[in-house]
Amino acid sequence: MSYFVTKTLLAVLFVAAGLTAALSMLTLMGRPQPRPGAPSLRNAHRIAGYVFVTLLILLALMGLRHLSAKGDSLSVRGVLHWSLASLLLFVVALKLAVVRWFRQFLKFVPVMGMIVITLALAVAMLSAVFFMVTGGIANPDDGTAQTRKGPAEVVMVTAPTEASGDAAEGGRIFEKNCSNCHYSDSTDRKVAEGLAGLFARDQIEVSGAPMSAENVRAQIVDPAGGMPSFKSYLSDRQLDDVVAYLMTL
């Protein structure tokens, strides 16, 4: 199972657990006395809460992995995502502290619960709306990727061929979509290999194919290894632009 699919499934369960905890709490508080089924609702609230906190920790750790690679180059959307997620973690920790050790403030717990589910939905929707708008393609700022494909169908060209794209535009596309995983000015690894001097190499590292514009393009469209595919995200012209840019490195 790919990283993207794993994170998506965890996020769906995370939202479902949060909504279950919130709805069970609202039902308990909104029903008139006596409350039939109250014990069951309390158990549902407790179990959903434990699942919610566990998934929140797992997703936060997965996000930290990406953040350590991205550094201070997050986009505005990425910064907003992390700001809301950090606030969510703080409110959850505060709510747990009140329930466990500062019970004199229990009257504020329902309000904290509503803040928690609001923040959780905001964090989830920030990514969900992006994926719906872009057709489910990976976003470099939250560390997700499309389901990995199998090995690329490599075009066996033995020498680099000239690209017809706009290298300047390709540089902008690279910065937006590729710089999360690849350095353009170094051969050091970031998440994947650095691409400085790419077309001076004998072959593409991950696939072993001879270095050529066609084979580089094939790696972007139908990649070998764990790289996400940009086939449905970049147009033919944009692919030409990216290859033209890579040839200038």
C-alpha atoms as a PDB file:
ATOM      1  CA  MET A   1       0.000   0.000   0.000  1.00  0.00           C
ATOM      2  CA  SER A   2       1.455   3.381  -1.029  1.00  0.00           C
ATOM      3  CA  TYR A   3       2.162   6.273   1.315  1.00  0.00           C
ATOM      4  CA  PHE A   4      -0.647   8.305  -0.268  1.00  0.00           C
ATOM      5  CA  VAL A   5      -3.263   5.571   0.128  1.00  0.00           C
ATOM      6  CA  THR A   6      -2.161   4.850   3.699  1.00  0.00           C
ATOM      7  CA  LYS A   7      -2.369   8.493   4.714  1.00  0.00           C
ATOM      8  CA  THR A   8      -5.722   8.943   2.985  1.00  0.00           C
ATOM      9  CA  LEU A   9      -7.247   5.961   4.787  1.00  0.00           C
ATOM     10  CA  LEU A  10      -5.899   7.175   8.133  1.00  0.00           C
ATOM     11  CA  ALA A  11      -7.320  10.641   7.463  1.00  0.00           C
ATOM     12  CA  VAL A  12     -10.770   9.231   6.627  1.00  0.00           C
ATOM     13  CA  LEU A  13     -10.767   7.185   9.848  1.00  0.00           C
ATOM     14  CA  PHE A  14      -9.529  10.246  11.741  1.00  0.00           C
ATOM     15  CA  VAL A  15     -12.442  12.391  10.556  1.00  0.00           C
ATOM     16  CA  ALA A  16     -14.941   9.576  11.152  1.00  0.00           C
ATOM     17  CA  ALA A  17     -13.700   9.085  14.729  1.00  0.00           C
ATOM     18  CA  GLY A  18     -13.876  12.821  15.408  1.00  0.00           C
ATOM     19  CA  LEU A  19     -17.415  13.109  14.093  1.00  0.00           C
ATOM     20  CA  THR A  20     -18.493  10.053  16.105  1.00  0.00           C
ATOM     21  CA  ALA A  21     -17.066  11.538  19.297  1.00  0.00           C
ATOM     22  CA  ALA A  22     -18.669  14.924  18.610  1.00  0.00           C
ATOM     23  CA  LEU A  23     -22.107  13.564  17.693  1.00  0.00           C
ATOM     24  CA  SER A  24     -22.243  11.228  20.684  1.00  0.00           C
ATOM     25  CA  MET A  25     -21.338  14.138  22.964  1.00  0.00           C
ATOM     26  CA  LEU A  26     -23.983  16.398  21.433  1.00  0.00           C
ATOM     27  CA  THR A  27     -26.599  13.664  21.704  1.00  0.00           C
ATOM     28  CA  LEU A  28     -25.803  13.156  25.379  1.00  0.00           C
ATOM     29  CA  MET A  29     -25.940  16.862  26.148  1.00  0.00           C
ATOM     30  CA  GLY A  30     -29.010  17.562  24.045  1.00  0.00           C
ATOM     31  CA  ARG A  31     -31.312  14.793  25.196  1.00  0.00           C
ATOM     32  CA  PRO A  32     -33.743  15.590  27.999  1.00  0.00           C
ATOM     33  CA  GLN A  33     -33.652  13.628  31.232  1.00  0.00           C
ATOM     34  CA  PRO A  34     -33.854  10.673  31.507  1.00  0.00           C
ATOM     35  CA  ARG A  35     -31.407   9.745  28.739  1.00  0.00           C
ATOM     36  CA  PRO A  36     -32.023   6.231  27.404  1.00  0.00           C
ATOM     37  CA  GLY A  37     -28.881   4.634  26.019  1.00  0.00           C
ATOM     38  CA  ALA A  38     -26.602   7.095  27.812  1.00  0.00           C
ATOM     39  CA  PRO A  39     -24.029   4.444  28.834  1.00  0.00           C
ATOM     40  CA  SER A  40     -23.695   3.277  25.234  1.00  0.00           C
ATOM     41  CA  LEU A  41     -23.247   6.837  24.027  1.00  0.00           C
ATOM     42  CA  ARG A  42     -20.571   7.477  26.667  1.00  0.00           C
ATOM     43  CA  ASN A  43     -18.711   4.340  25.601  1.00  0.00           C
ATOM     44  CA  ALA A  44     -18.958   5.349  21.947  1.00  0.00           C
ATOM     45  CA  HIS A  45     -17.644   8.813  22.810  1.00  0.00           C
ATOM     46  CA  ARG A  46     -14.749   7.368  24.822  1.00  0.00           C
ATOM     47  CA  ILE A  47     -13.716   4.799  22.208  1.00  0.00           C
ATOM     48  CA  ALA A  48     -14.005   7.281  19.328  1.00  0.00           C
ATOM     49  CA  GLY A  49     -11.931   9.745  21.347  1.00  0.00           C
ATOM     50  CA  TYR A  50      -9.126   7.236  21.876  1.00  0.00           C
ATOM     51  CA  VAL A  51      -9.137   6.320  18.185  1.00  0.00           C
ATOM     52  CA  PHE A  52      -9.141  10.014  17.231  1.00  0.00           C
ATOM     53  CA  VAL A  53      -6.130  10.843  19.425  1.00  0.00           C
ATOM     54  CA  THR A  54      -4.196   7.773  18.232  1.00  0.00           C
ATOM     55  CA  LEU A  55      -4.762   8.625  14.570  1.00  0.00           C
ATOM     56  CA  LEU A  56      -3.906  12.276  15.221  1.00  0.00           C
ATOM     57  CA  ILE A  57      -0.530  11.230  16.625  1.00  0.00           C
ATOM     58  CA  LEU A  58       0.140   8.889  13.676  1.00  0.00           C
ATOM     59  CA  LEU A  59      -0.763  11.550  11.112  1.00  0.00           C
ATOM     60  CA  ALA A  60       1.341  14.141  12.950  1.00  0.00           C
ATOM     61  CA  LEU A  61       4.368  11.831  12.853  1.00  0.00           C
ATOM     62  CA  MET A  62       3.848  11.228   9.125  1.00  0.00           C
ATOM     63  CA  GLY A  63       3.612  14.974   8.612  1.00  0.00           C
ATOM     64  CA  LEU A  64       6.799  15.611  10.592  1.00  0.00           C
ATOM     65  CA  ARG A  65       8.627  13.267   8.255  1.00  0.00           C
ATOM     66  CA  HIS A  66       7.651  15.456   5.330  1.00  0.00           C
ATOM     67  CA  LEU A  67       8.288  18.700   7.193  1.00  0.00           C
ATOM     68  CA  SER A  68      11.844  17.639   7.999  1.00  0.00           C
ATOM     69  CA  ALA A  69      12.489  17.186   4.267  1.00  0.00           C
ATOM     70  CA  LYS A  70      10.679  20.349   3.158  1.00  0.00           C
ATOM     71  CA  GLY A  71      12.261  22.676   5.715  1.00  0.00           C
ATOM     72  CA  ASP A  72      11.292  26.326   5.439  1.00  0.00           C
ATOM     73  CA  SER A  73      10.128  26.116   1.801  1.00  0.00           C
ATOM     74  CA  LEU A  74       6.466  25.285   2.498  1.00  0.00           C
ATOM     75  CA  SER A  75       3.854  26.993   0.356  1.00  0.00           C
ATOM     76  CA  VAL A  76       1.170  29.228   1.865  1.00  0.00           C
ATOM     77  CA  ARG A  77      -1.232  26.267   1.868  1.00  0.00           C
ATOM     78  CA  GLY A  78       1.365  24.114   3.590  1.00  0.00           C
ATOM     79  CA  VAL A  79       1.979  26.742   6.265  1.00  0.00           C
ATOM     80  CA  LEU A  80      -1.778  27.079   6.879  1.00  0.00           C
ATOM     81  CA  HIS A  81      -2.129  23.290   7.083  1.00  0.00           C
ATOM     82  CA  TRP A  82       0.636  23.036   9.673  1.00  0.00           C
ATOM     83  CA  SER A  83      -0.608  26.016  11.666  1.00  0.00           C
ATOM     84  CA  LEU A  84      -4.094  24.511  12.002  1.00  0.00           C
ATOM     85  CA  ALA A  85      -2.656  21.069  12.770  1.00  0.00           C
ATOM     86  CA  SER A  86      -0.405  22.504  15.493  1.00  0.00           C
ATOM     87  CA  LEU A  87      -3.351  24.365  17.042  1.00  0.00           C
ATOM     88  CA  LEU A  88      -5.387  21.146  16.905  1.00  0.00           C
ATOM     89  CA  LEU A  89      -2.662  19.239  18.764  1.00  0.00           C
ATOM     90  CA  PHE A  90      -2.500  21.955  21.423  1.00  0.00           C
ATOM     91  CA  VAL A  91      -6.278  22.025  22.034  1.00  0.00           C
ATOM     92  CA  VAL A  92      -6.441  18.207  22.194  1.00  0.00           C
ATOM     93  CA  ALA A  93      -3.591  18.164  24.730  1.00  0.00           C
ATOM     94  CA  LEU A  94      -5.288  20.902  26.761  1.00  0.00           C
ATOM     95  CA  LYS A  95      -8.617  19.037  26.732  1.00  0.00           C
ATOM     96  CA  LEU A  96      -6.953  15.830  27.921  1.00  0.00           C
ATOM     97  CA  ALA A  97      -5.130  17.724  30.670  1.00  0.00           C
ATOM     98  CA  VAL A  98      -8.387  19.216  31.930  1.00  0.00           C
ATOM     99  CA  VAL A  99     -10.149  15.837  31.921  1.00  0.00           C
ATOM    100  CA  ARG A 100      -7.267  14.117  33.713  1.00  0.00           C
ATOM    101  CA  TRP A 101      -5.789  16.663  36.131  1.00  0.00           C
ATOM    102  CA  PHE A 102      -7.727  19.948  36.160  1.00  0.00           C
ATOM    103  CA  ARG A 103     -11.278  18.760  36.657  1.00  0.00           C
ATOM    104  CA  GLN A 104     -12.362  22.102  38.119  1.00  0.00           C
ATOM    105  CA  PHE A 105     -12.461  23.305  34.511  1.00  0.00           C
ATOM    106  CA  LEU A 106     -14.632  20.437  33.209  1.00  0.00           C
ATOM    107  CA  LYS A 107     -17.380  22.855  32.221  1.00  0.00           C
ATOM    108  CA  PHE A 108     -15.126  24.041  29.373  1.00  0.00           C
ATOM    109  CA  VAL A 109     -14.555  20.540  27.969  1.00  0.00           C
ATOM    110  CA  PRO A 110     -17.615  20.537  25.604  1.00  0.00           C
ATOM    111  CA  VAL A 111     -16.462  23.837  24.095  1.00  0.00           C
ATOM    112  CA  MET A 112     -12.966  22.426  23.659  1.00  0.00           C
ATOM    113  CA  GLY A 113     -14.491  19.384  21.980  1.00  0.00           C
ATOM    114  CA  MET A 114     -16.295  21.573  19.454  1.00  0.00           C
ATOM    115  CA  ILE A 115     -13.070  23.478  18.772  1.00  0.00           C
ATOM    116  CA  VAL A 116     -11.224  20.177  18.255  1.00  0.00           C
ATOM    117  CA  ILE A 117     -13.686  18.798  15.695  1.00  0.00           C
ATOM    118  CA  THR A 118     -13.823  22.160  13.889  1.00  0.00           C
ATOM    119  CA  LEU A 119     -10.024  22.273  13.590  1.00  0.00           C
ATOM    120  CA  ALA A 120      -9.892  18.597  12.550  1.00  0.00           C
ATOM    121  CA  LEU A 121     -12.393  19.179   9.747  1.00  0.00           C
ATOM    122  CA  ALA A 122     -10.562  22.322   8.638  1.00  0.00           C
ATOM    123  CA  VAL A 123      -7.240  20.468   8.417  1.00  0.00           C
ATOM    124  CA  ALA A 124      -8.799  17.551   6.539  1.00  0.00           C
ATOM    125  CA  MET A 125     -10.781  19.725   4.120  1.00  0.00           C
ATOM    126  CA  LEU A 126      -7.727  21.838   3.333  1.00  0.00           C
ATOM    127  CA  SER A 127      -6.188  18.778   1.669  1.00  0.00           C
ATOM    128  CA  ALA A 128      -9.415  17.151   0.474  1.00  0.00           C
ATOM    129  CA  VAL A 129     -10.531  20.214  -1.505  1.00  0.00           C
ATOM    130  CA  PHE A 130      -7.072  20.486  -3.068  1.00  0.00           C
ATOM    131  CA  PHE A 131      -7.188  16.869  -4.247  1.00  0.00           C
ATOM    132  CA  MET A 132     -10.703  17.267  -5.646  1.00  0.00           C
ATOM    133  CA  VAL A 133      -9.738  20.410  -7.541  1.00  0.00           C
ATOM    134  CA  THR A 134      -6.497  18.974  -8.931  1.00  0.00           C
ATOM    135  CA  GLY A 135      -7.846  15.521  -9.711  1.00  0.00           C
ATOM    136  CA  GLY A 136      -6.216  13.704  -6.810  1.00  0.00           C
ATOM    137  CA  ILE A 137      -2.616  14.459  -7.721  1.00  0.00           C
ATOM    138  CA  ALA A 138       0.078  14.543  -5.114  1.00  0.00           C
ATOM    139  CA  ASN A 139       0.751  17.778  -3.314  1.00  0.00           C
ATOM    140  CA  PRO A 140       4.376  18.410  -2.424  1.00  0.00           C
ATOM    141  CA  ASP A 141       3.472  20.434   0.677  1.00  0.00           C
ATOM    142  CA  ASP A 142       1.733  17.783   2.703  1.00  0.00           C
ATOM    143  CA  GLY A 143       3.903  14.852   1.707  1.00  0.00           C
ATOM    144  CA  THR A 144       1.285  12.872  -0.150  1.00  0.00           C
ATOM    145  CA  ALA A 145       1.572  11.140  -3.471  1.00  0.00           C
ATOM    146  CA  GLN A 146      -0.438   9.180  -5.964  1.00  0.00           C
ATOM    147  CA  THR A 147      -0.502   5.409  -5.798  1.00  0.00           C
ATOM    148  CA  ARG A 148       2.850   4.188  -7.039  1.00  0.00           C
ATOM    149  CA  LYS A 149       2.993   2.747 -10.485  1.00  0.00           C
ATOM    150  CA  GLY A 150       5.066  -0.143 -11.722  1.00  0.00           C
ATOM    151  CA  PRO A 151       8.299   0.212 -13.681  1.00  0.00           C
ATOM    152  CA  ALA A 152       8.211   2.688 -16.521  1.00  0.00           C
ATOM    153  CA  GLU A 153       7.968   1.614 -20.119  1.00  0.00           C
ATOM    154  CA  VAL A 154      11.326   3.054 -21.095  1.00  0.00           C
ATOM    155  CA  VAL A 155      12.048   4.420 -24.533  1.00  0.00           C
ATOM    156  CA  MET A 156      15.548   3.129 -25.242  1.00  0.00           C
ATOM    157  CA  VAL A 157      17.300   6.182 -26.644  1.00  0.00           C
ATOM    158  CA  THR A 158      21.058   6.148 -26.230  1.00  0.00           C
ATOM    159  CA  ALA A 159      21.809   9.861 -26.530  1.00  0.00           C
ATOM    160  CA  PRO A 160      20.148  13.014 -25.213  1.00  0.00           C
ATOM    161  CA  THR A 161      17.864  14.710 -27.684  1.00  0.00           C
ATOM    162  CA  GLU A 162      16.977  18.371 -27.788  1.00  0.00           C
ATOM    163  CA  ALA A 163      13.863  19.457 -25.888  1.00  0.00           C
ATOM    164  CA  SER A 164      11.464  21.938 -27.434  1.00  0.00           C
ATOM    165  CA  GLY A 165       9.992  23.384 -24.224  1.00  0.00           C
ATOM    166  CA  ASP A 166      10.465  26.665 -22.380  1.00  0.00           C
ATOM    167  CA  ALA A 167      13.190  26.136 -19.785  1.00  0.00           C
ATOM    168  CA  ALA A 168      12.211  29.219 -17.768  1.00  0.00           C
ATOM    169  CA  GLU A 169       8.620  28.035 -17.438  1.00  0.00           C
ATOM    170  CA  GLY A 170       9.911  24.553 -16.701  1.00  0.00           C
ATOM    171  CA  GLY A 171      11.892  25.977 -13.807  1.00  0.00           C
ATOM    172  CA  ARG A 172       8.743  27.426 -12.289  1.00  0.00           C
ATOM    173  CA  ILE A 173       6.909  24.114 -12.718  1.00  0.00           C
ATOM    174  CA  PHE A 174       9.855  22.256 -11.174  1.00  0.00           C
ATOM    175  CA  GLU A 175       9.911  24.569  -8.141  1.00  0.00           C
ATOM    176  CA  LYS A 176       6.196  24.024  -7.548  1.00  0.00           C
ATOM    177  CA  ASN A 177       5.998  20.275  -8.134  1.00  0.00           C
ATOM    178  CA  CYS A 178       9.449  18.688  -7.933  1.00  0.00           C
ATOM    179  CA  SER A 179      11.615  20.674  -5.510  1.00  0.00           C
ATOM    180  CA  ASN A 180      10.050  18.932  -2.543  1.00  0.00           C
ATOM    181  CA  CYS A 181      11.955  15.751  -3.415  1.00  0.00           C
ATOM    182  CA  HIS A 182      14.816  16.869  -5.705  1.00  0.00           C
ATOM    183  CA  TYR A 183      17.560  19.469  -5.442  1.00  0.00           C
ATOM    184  CA  SER A 184      18.153  21.254  -8.739  1.00  0.00           C
ATOM    185  CA  ASP A 185      21.565  22.666  -7.803  1.00  0.00           C
ATOM    186  CA  SER A 186      23.114  19.648  -6.094  1.00  0.00           C
ATOM    187  CA  THR A 187      23.596  15.922  -6.556  1.00  0.00           C
ATOM    188  CA  ASP A 188      22.848  15.319  -2.870  1.00  0.00           C
ATOM    189  CA  ARG A 189      19.706  13.375  -2.017  1.00  0.00           C
ATOM    190  CA  LYS A 190      16.741  15.250  -0.571  1.00  0.00           C
ATOM    191  CA  VAL A 191      13.922  12.716  -0.676  1.00  0.00           C
ATOM    192  CA  ALA A 192      15.192  11.445  -4.021  1.00  0.00           C
ATOM    193  CA  GLU A 193      18.373  12.066  -6.022  1.00  0.00           C
ATOM    194  CA  GLY A 194      19.662  15.568  -6.693  1.00  0.00           C
ATOM    195  CA  LEU A 195      19.359  16.520 -10.360  1.00  0.00           C
ATOM    196  CA  ALA A 196      22.337  18.825 -10.911  1.00  0.00           C
ATOM    197  CA  GLY A 197      24.120  17.763 -14.098  1.00  0.00           C
ATOM    198  CA  LEU A 198      21.356  15.295 -14.891  1.00  0.00           C
ATOM    199  CA  PHE A 199      21.919  15.114 -18.642  1.00  0.00           C
ATOM    200  CA  ALA A 200      25.671  14.656 -18.211  1.00  0.00           C
ATOM    201  CA  ARG A 201      24.999  11.242 -16.670  1.00  0.00           C
ATOM    202  CA  ASP A 202      25.006   7.967 -18.556  1.00  0.00           C
ATOM    203  CA  GLN A 203      21.652   6.740 -17.285  1.00  0.00           C
ATOM    204  CA  ILE A 204      18.618   7.540 -15.149  1.00  0.00           C
ATOM    205  CA  GLU A 205      19.414   6.316 -11.653  1.00  0.00           C
ATOM    206  CA  VAL A 206      16.060   4.807 -10.657  1.00  0.00           C
ATOM    207  CA  SER A 207      15.253   3.016 -13.936  1.00  0.00           C
ATOM    208  CA  GLY A 208      18.711   2.377 -15.422  1.00  0.00           C
ATOM    209  CA  ALA A 209      17.537   3.708 -18.790  1.00  0.00           C
ATOM    210  CA  PRO A 210      20.006   5.620 -20.989  1.00  0.00           C
ATOM    211  CA  MET A 211      19.890   9.345 -20.366  1.00  0.00           C
ATOM    212  CA  SER A 212      17.737  11.131 -22.925  1.00  0.00           C
ATOM    213  CA  ALA A 213      14.952  13.684 -23.051  1.00  0.00           C
ATOM    214  CA  GLU A 214      12.491  10.935 -24.006  1.00  0.00           C
ATOM    215  CA  ASN A 215      13.489   8.668 -21.128  1.00  0.00           C
ATOM    216  CA  VAL A 216      13.408  11.517 -18.603  1.00  0.00           C
ATOM    217  CA  ARG A 217       9.936  12.411 -19.824  1.00  0.00           C
ATOM    218  CA  ALA A 218       8.902   8.745 -19.528  1.00  0.00           C
ATOM    219  CA  GLN A 219      10.142   8.705 -15.939  1.00  0.00           C
ATOM    220  CA  ILE A 220       7.955  11.726 -15.109  1.00  0.00           C
ATOM    221  CA  VAL A 221       4.878  10.291 -16.840  1.00  0.00           C
ATOM    222  CA  ASP A 222       5.152   6.612 -15.843  1.00  0.00           C
ATOM    223  CA  PRO A 223       7.914   6.427 -13.230  1.00  0.00           C
ATOM    224  CA  ALA A 224       9.969   3.532 -11.959  1.00  0.00           C
ATOM    225  CA  GLY A 225      10.480   3.217  -8.223  1.00  0.00           C
ATOM    226  CA  GLY A 226       8.463   5.197  -5.704  1.00  0.00           C
ATOM    227  CA  MET A 227       8.137   8.475  -7.592  1.00  0.00           C
ATOM    228  CA  PRO A 228       4.531   9.653  -8.135  1.00  0.00           C
ATOM    229  CA  SER A 229       3.281   9.997 -11.701  1.00  0.00           C
ATOM    230  CA  PHE A 230       2.486  13.447 -13.089  1.00  0.00           C
ATOM    231  CA  LYS A 231       0.774  12.068 -16.202  1.00  0.00           C
ATOM    232  CA  SER A 232      -2.625  13.593 -15.480  1.00  0.00           C
ATOM    233  CA  TYR A 233      -1.253  16.651 -13.686  1.00  0.00           C
ATOM    234  CA  LEU A 234       1.099  18.166 -16.284  1.00  0.00           C
ATOM    235  CA  SER A 235       0.119  18.856 -19.882  1.00  0.00           C
ATOM    236  CA  ASP A 236       2.324  17.793 -22.794  1.00  0.00           C
ATOM    237  CA  ARG A 237       3.587  21.366 -23.083  1.00  0.00           C
ATOM    238  CA  GLN A 238       4.405  21.511 -19.375  1.00  0.00           C
ATOM    239  CA  LEU A 239       6.264  18.209 -19.618  1.00  0.00           C
ATOM    240  CA  ASP A 240       8.313  19.639 -22.497  1.00  0.00           C
ATOM    241  CA  ASP A 241       9.048  22.704 -20.364  1.00  0.00           C
ATOM    242  CA  VAL A 242      10.217  20.616 -17.397  1.00  0.00           C
ATOM    243  CA  VAL A 243      12.493  18.458 -19.567  1.00  0.00           C
ATOM    244  CA  ALA A 244      13.918  21.605 -21.193  1.00  0.00           C
ATOM    245  CA  TYR A 245      14.656  22.996 -17.721  1.00  0.00           C
ATOM    246  CA  LEU A 246      16.288  19.747 -16.557  1.00  0.00           C
ATOM    247  CA  MET A 247      18.591  19.893 -19.568  1.00  0.00           C
ATOM    248  CA  THR A 248      19.940  23.235 -18.322  1.00  0.00           C
ATOM    249  CA  LEU A 249      20.969  21.955 -14.898  1.00  0.00           C
END
